[in-house]
Protein backbone atom coordinates (compact mmCIF):
# COMPACT_ATOMS: atom_id res chain seq x y z
CA MET A 1 304.70 249.57 -25.46
CA ASP A 2 301.80 250.75 -23.36
CA PHE A 3 299.37 254.10 -24.03
CA ASP A 4 301.06 255.98 -20.78
CA ALA A 5 304.39 255.34 -22.10
CA ILE A 6 303.94 256.98 -25.16
CA PHE A 7 303.67 260.13 -23.21
CA ALA A 8 306.26 259.33 -21.03
CA LYS A 9 308.62 259.53 -23.97
CA SER A 10 308.54 263.17 -23.76
CA PRO A 11 311.73 264.18 -26.06
CA PRO A 12 309.94 263.16 -29.12
CA LEU A 13 306.69 265.01 -28.39
CA PRO A 14 305.96 268.02 -29.91
CA SER A 15 305.97 271.24 -27.76
CA ILE A 16 304.06 274.39 -29.30
CA PRO A 17 304.89 277.97 -29.32
CA LYS A 18 303.65 280.13 -26.21
CA VAL A 19 301.37 282.04 -28.08
CA VAL A 20 299.67 278.99 -29.34
CA GLN A 21 299.41 277.80 -25.65
CA ASP A 22 297.79 281.16 -24.75
CA LEU A 23 295.12 280.62 -27.46
CA ILE A 24 294.14 277.57 -26.54
CA GLU A 25 293.30 279.13 -23.13
CA THR A 26 291.11 281.13 -24.47
CA PHE A 27 288.92 278.38 -25.70
CA ASN A 28 288.05 278.05 -21.55
CA HIS A 29 288.16 281.63 -20.56
CA ASP A 30 286.42 284.80 -21.87
CA ASP A 31 288.39 287.42 -20.08
CA PHE A 32 291.35 287.62 -22.48
CA ASP A 33 292.78 290.79 -23.95
CA MET A 34 292.37 290.71 -27.39
CA ASP A 35 295.06 293.38 -28.34
CA ASP A 36 297.37 291.71 -25.97
CA ILE A 37 297.32 288.36 -27.67
CA ALA A 38 297.55 290.18 -30.99
CA THR A 39 300.67 291.92 -29.81
CA LYS A 40 301.97 288.45 -28.89
CA ILE A 41 301.41 286.72 -32.12
CA SER A 42 303.24 289.53 -34.13
CA MET A 43 306.31 288.63 -32.19
CA ASP A 44 306.61 285.20 -33.51
CA PRO A 45 307.66 286.40 -37.25
CA VAL A 46 307.26 282.74 -38.92
CA LEU A 47 304.18 282.28 -37.58
CA THR A 48 302.90 285.78 -37.91
CA ALA A 49 304.46 285.64 -41.88
CA LYS A 50 302.21 282.31 -42.48
CA VAL A 51 299.28 283.63 -40.93
CA LEU A 52 298.80 287.06 -42.83
CA ARG A 53 299.59 284.92 -45.94
CA LEU A 54 296.64 283.06 -45.65
CA ALA A 55 294.28 285.97 -44.51
CA ASN A 56 295.29 287.93 -47.47
CA SER A 57 294.83 284.93 -49.80
CA ALA A 58 291.37 284.15 -51.78
CA HIS A 59 290.51 281.76 -49.23
CA TYR A 60 289.23 284.37 -46.90
CA GLY A 61 288.17 286.90 -49.49
CA VAL A 62 289.09 290.30 -47.62
CA SER A 63 288.74 293.11 -49.72
CA ARG A 64 292.00 294.97 -48.54
CA THR A 65 295.13 293.83 -47.67
CA ILE A 66 296.10 292.90 -44.21
CA GLY A 67 299.05 294.11 -42.93
CA SER A 68 299.33 293.01 -39.02
CA THR A 69 297.75 290.38 -36.71
CA SER A 70 295.92 292.95 -35.22
CA GLU A 71 294.00 293.90 -38.35
CA ALA A 72 293.52 290.63 -39.05
CA SER A 73 291.62 290.26 -35.62
CA VAL A 74 289.49 293.18 -36.60
CA LEU A 75 288.60 292.31 -40.13
CA LEU A 76 288.62 288.09 -39.81
CA GLY A 77 287.47 288.23 -36.13
CA PHE A 78 289.33 286.60 -33.05
CA SER A 79 287.66 283.45 -33.44
CA THR A 80 289.40 283.26 -37.26
CA LEU A 81 292.75 284.63 -36.34
CA ARG A 82 292.80 282.07 -33.62
CA THR A 83 292.06 279.36 -36.01
CA LEU A 84 294.75 280.31 -38.30
CA VAL A 85 297.42 280.95 -35.47
CA LEU A 86 296.44 277.26 -34.06
CA ALA A 87 296.88 275.91 -37.56
CA SER A 88 300.14 277.27 -38.27
CA GLY A 89 301.92 277.03 -35.04
CA ILE A 90 300.77 273.38 -34.54
CA SER A 91 301.80 272.15 -38.30
CA GLY A 92 304.78 274.00 -37.96
CA ALA A 93 305.86 272.80 -34.32
CA ILE A 94 305.39 268.92 -35.10
CA LYS A 95 308.37 267.60 -36.72
CA THR A 96 307.98 264.28 -39.23
CA PRO A 97 310.14 261.39 -40.22
CA PRO A 98 311.75 262.34 -43.71
CA GLU A 99 309.84 259.45 -45.45
CA PHE A 100 306.58 260.76 -43.70
CA ASP A 101 304.18 262.37 -46.71
CA ARG A 102 303.76 265.42 -44.28
CA GLU A 103 302.36 267.66 -47.04
CA GLY A 104 299.74 265.00 -47.91
CA TYR A 105 299.09 264.38 -43.90
CA TRP A 106 298.15 268.00 -43.86
CA ASN A 107 296.37 268.34 -46.82
CA ASP A 108 294.08 265.74 -45.72
CA ASN A 109 293.74 267.12 -42.06
CA PHE A 110 293.17 270.76 -43.17
CA ALA A 111 290.58 269.68 -45.83
CA VAL A 112 288.68 267.90 -43.43
CA ALA A 113 288.58 270.83 -41.01
CA ALA A 114 287.59 273.00 -43.90
CA ILE A 115 284.70 270.89 -44.54
CA ALA A 116 283.67 270.55 -41.17
CA ARG A 117 283.74 274.25 -40.58
CA TRP A 118 281.30 274.44 -43.74
CA LEU A 119 279.11 271.94 -42.12
CA ALA A 120 278.97 273.33 -38.58
CA PRO A 121 276.08 275.72 -39.25
CA TYR A 122 273.84 272.72 -40.08
CA CYS A 123 274.73 271.35 -36.79
CA GLY A 124 274.53 274.20 -34.62
CA ILE A 125 278.35 273.98 -34.09
CA ASN A 126 281.06 276.88 -33.76
CA GLY A 127 282.75 276.95 -37.13
CA GLU A 128 286.07 277.78 -35.91
CA THR A 129 285.86 275.24 -33.37
CA ALA A 130 285.01 272.53 -35.57
CA PHE A 131 288.03 273.48 -37.66
CA THR A 132 290.41 273.23 -34.84
CA ALA A 133 289.09 269.83 -34.20
CA GLY A 134 289.02 268.73 -37.89
CA MET A 135 292.70 269.97 -38.16
CA LEU A 136 293.46 267.48 -35.18
CA HIS A 137 291.39 264.84 -35.54
CA SER A 138 294.32 262.58 -36.75
CA ILE A 139 297.11 264.05 -34.59
CA GLY A 140 297.40 260.54 -33.25
CA GLU A 141 298.86 259.41 -36.26
CA LEU A 142 301.37 261.51 -36.20
CA ILE A 143 302.73 260.82 -32.69
CA LEU A 144 302.60 256.96 -33.57
CA GLN A 145 305.23 258.00 -36.57
CA LEU A 146 307.35 259.85 -33.91
CA VAL A 147 307.03 257.54 -30.92
CA LEU A 148 306.54 253.88 -32.49
CA PRO A 149 307.91 254.12 -35.99
CA ASP A 150 308.17 250.72 -36.50
CA GLU A 151 304.65 249.72 -35.52
CA ALA A 152 303.30 252.80 -37.43
CA LYS A 153 304.83 251.21 -40.66
CA LYS A 154 303.23 247.70 -39.72
CA VAL A 155 299.71 249.34 -39.48
CA GLU A 156 300.92 251.33 -42.89
CA LYS A 157 301.59 248.28 -44.54
CA ALA A 158 298.70 246.37 -43.17
CA MET A 159 296.39 248.95 -44.79
CA GLN A 160 297.50 248.44 -48.19
CA PHE A 161 295.98 245.36 -47.88
CA GLY A 162 292.64 246.46 -46.87
CA GLY A 163 292.92 246.59 -43.16
CA LYS A 164 291.34 249.46 -41.52
CA ARG A 165 293.55 252.04 -39.42
CA LEU A 166 291.38 251.79 -36.32
CA ASP A 167 291.12 248.01 -36.07
CA LEU A 168 294.82 247.30 -36.67
CA GLU A 169 295.98 249.72 -34.13
CA ASN A 170 293.54 248.32 -31.67
CA ALA A 171 294.93 244.72 -32.61
CA MET A 172 298.22 245.45 -32.71
CA LEU A 173 298.80 248.14 -29.95
CA GLY A 174 295.69 248.07 -27.75
CA TYR A 175 294.65 251.59 -28.61
CA ASN A 176 294.36 253.69 -31.44
CA TYR A 177 295.35 257.18 -33.30
CA ALA A 178 292.10 258.80 -31.99
CA GLU A 179 292.68 258.06 -28.49
CA ILE A 180 296.18 258.90 -28.73
CA GLY A 181 295.21 262.35 -30.15
CA ALA A 182 292.85 263.27 -27.83
CA GLU A 183 295.17 262.56 -24.79
CA LEU A 184 297.50 265.15 -26.54
CA ALA A 185 294.69 267.54 -27.25
CA LYS A 186 293.97 267.13 -23.53
CA ARG A 187 297.41 267.70 -22.25
CA TRP A 188 297.72 270.89 -24.55
CA LYS A 189 294.82 271.92 -22.51
CA PHE A 190 292.09 271.92 -25.52
CA PRO A 191 288.64 272.15 -24.29
CA ASN A 192 286.69 268.71 -23.50
CA ASP A 193 284.59 268.85 -26.51
CA ILE A 194 287.47 268.92 -29.03
CA VAL A 195 289.16 266.23 -26.91
CA ASN A 196 285.74 264.09 -27.24
CA GLY A 197 285.55 264.94 -30.90
CA ILE A 198 288.85 263.72 -31.50
CA CYS A 199 288.40 260.58 -29.51
CA GLN A 200 285.43 259.56 -30.65
CA HIS A 201 285.18 260.54 -34.54
CA PRO A 202 285.74 257.07 -35.89
CA ASN A 203 282.80 255.54 -34.57
CA PRO A 204 280.63 258.30 -33.13
CA LEU A 205 277.63 255.91 -32.45
CA ASN A 206 279.65 253.79 -30.26
CA PHE A 207 279.11 256.58 -27.42
CA ASP A 208 276.50 257.66 -25.19
CA PRO A 209 275.91 260.38 -25.24
CA ILE A 210 277.19 260.86 -28.68
CA SER A 211 279.89 263.94 -29.13
CA PRO A 212 278.02 266.24 -31.83
CA LEU A 213 281.64 267.46 -32.80
CA ALA A 214 282.66 263.78 -33.15
CA GLY A 215 279.81 263.22 -35.46
CA LEU A 216 280.62 266.07 -37.45
CA LEU A 217 284.03 265.04 -37.70
CA HIS A 218 282.93 261.66 -38.72
CA ILE A 219 280.79 262.99 -41.83
CA SER A 220 283.36 265.49 -42.61
CA CYS A 221 286.41 262.42 -42.90
CA TYR A 222 283.66 260.64 -45.15
CA ILE A 223 283.08 263.54 -47.36
CA HIS A 224 286.89 264.02 -48.08
CA GLU A 225 287.50 260.59 -48.62
CA SER A 226 284.73 260.27 -51.16
CA HIS A 227 286.41 263.39 -52.73
CA LYS A 228 289.94 261.88 -53.12
CA GLN A 229 287.96 258.85 -54.80
CA LYS A 230 286.52 261.40 -57.20
CA LEU A 231 282.98 260.40 -56.17
CA SER A 232 279.97 262.47 -57.93
CA ASP A 233 277.62 264.23 -55.36
CA ASP A 234 274.81 261.57 -56.11
CA GLU A 235 277.40 258.70 -55.27
CA ILE A 236 278.55 260.72 -51.92
CA LEU A 237 274.78 261.24 -51.05
CA GLU A 238 273.92 257.70 -51.74
CA ASP A 239 275.97 256.53 -48.91
CA PHE A 240 275.94 259.46 -46.62
CA PRO A 241 276.35 258.48 -43.05
CA THR A 242 272.60 259.65 -42.45
CA THR A 243 272.21 257.67 -39.16
CA VAL A 244 275.27 259.75 -37.71
CA ALA A 245 273.73 262.79 -39.19
CA HIS A 246 270.08 262.43 -37.46
CA ALA A 247 271.96 261.59 -34.16
CA ILE A 248 273.59 264.85 -33.78
CA ASP A 249 270.47 266.65 -35.48
CA MET A 250 272.34 267.85 -38.50
CA ASP A 251 269.78 269.66 -40.89
CA SER A 252 271.04 267.08 -43.23
CA VAL A 253 268.06 267.92 -46.03
CA ASN A 254 270.00 271.54 -46.71
CA ALA A 255 273.22 270.35 -46.12
CA LYS A 256 272.76 267.49 -48.95
CA ALA A 257 270.97 270.05 -51.18
CA ASP A 258 273.94 272.48 -50.92
CA ILE A 259 276.63 269.71 -51.04
CA GLU A 260 278.27 270.73 -54.36
CA GLN A 261 279.61 274.16 -52.73
CA LEU A 262 282.11 271.81 -50.99
CA HIS A 263 284.27 271.27 -53.76
CA ASP A 264 285.64 274.51 -53.23
CA VAL A 265 286.30 274.95 -49.53
CA GLU A 266 289.15 272.53 -49.50
CA SER A 267 291.47 274.53 -51.24
CA GLY A 268 293.90 277.13 -50.09
CA MET A 269 294.73 275.77 -46.96
CA ASP A 270 298.17 274.49 -48.07
CA LEU A 271 299.68 277.89 -47.04
CA LEU A 272 299.66 277.19 -43.41
CA PHE A 273 302.23 274.26 -43.77
CA THR A 274 304.04 275.73 -46.35
CA THR A 275 307.25 277.80 -45.70
């Protein structure tokens, strides 16, 4: 199946709630009414429950209970509220095949997102934008599972023998999960920096000019995979993608000095995709 045909098969592709679409638009426009958006969020009880559950979790450390989306907007800030709604709305909207490890997939994505948000200040990047891009960085994998399940299984099987996902998909399909994810983000009307970050993150140095967000996602993926392999901080720093860090002007000296703090930032995000 060619690339365009994936998106021509509209029934399997996920549609997102209207309030999530409205929030995506706020990336591109500053003239929005926060109270109006908070009211729209509150009209979706399932979405509201998930957002408030996370807003009141230890992950955000709020000193008192948040009882409404309006309070969440005031106490956490609109950007954080937007991130929570996008994360909950998108993860809830995308259905996966029964055999697909949905929990593991979203755990990985939210972990990368949390790392990206933590690293963002060292790169001069907005933390909530970094989180959103991290959450979506491998969304193309899900699209392949929905639209081309047989091909996706072949890729997964080949990866068990040491193949790399990007290379296998390019060889088998002529395109890859990052390109698919970027196209979906574009169709959902996410801003270009997020679209480019998703598209370029596997090999950010292959693009000129480099996307700072792609470089940040690349480093975040590296750190998360290192944690999954239970590497020590010293081992992580030994193979740290320093060339990418330099290319995006990351303050890598201070980031590396603070890296032990990252062990706590990946926890708690499972509240977004549990029912």
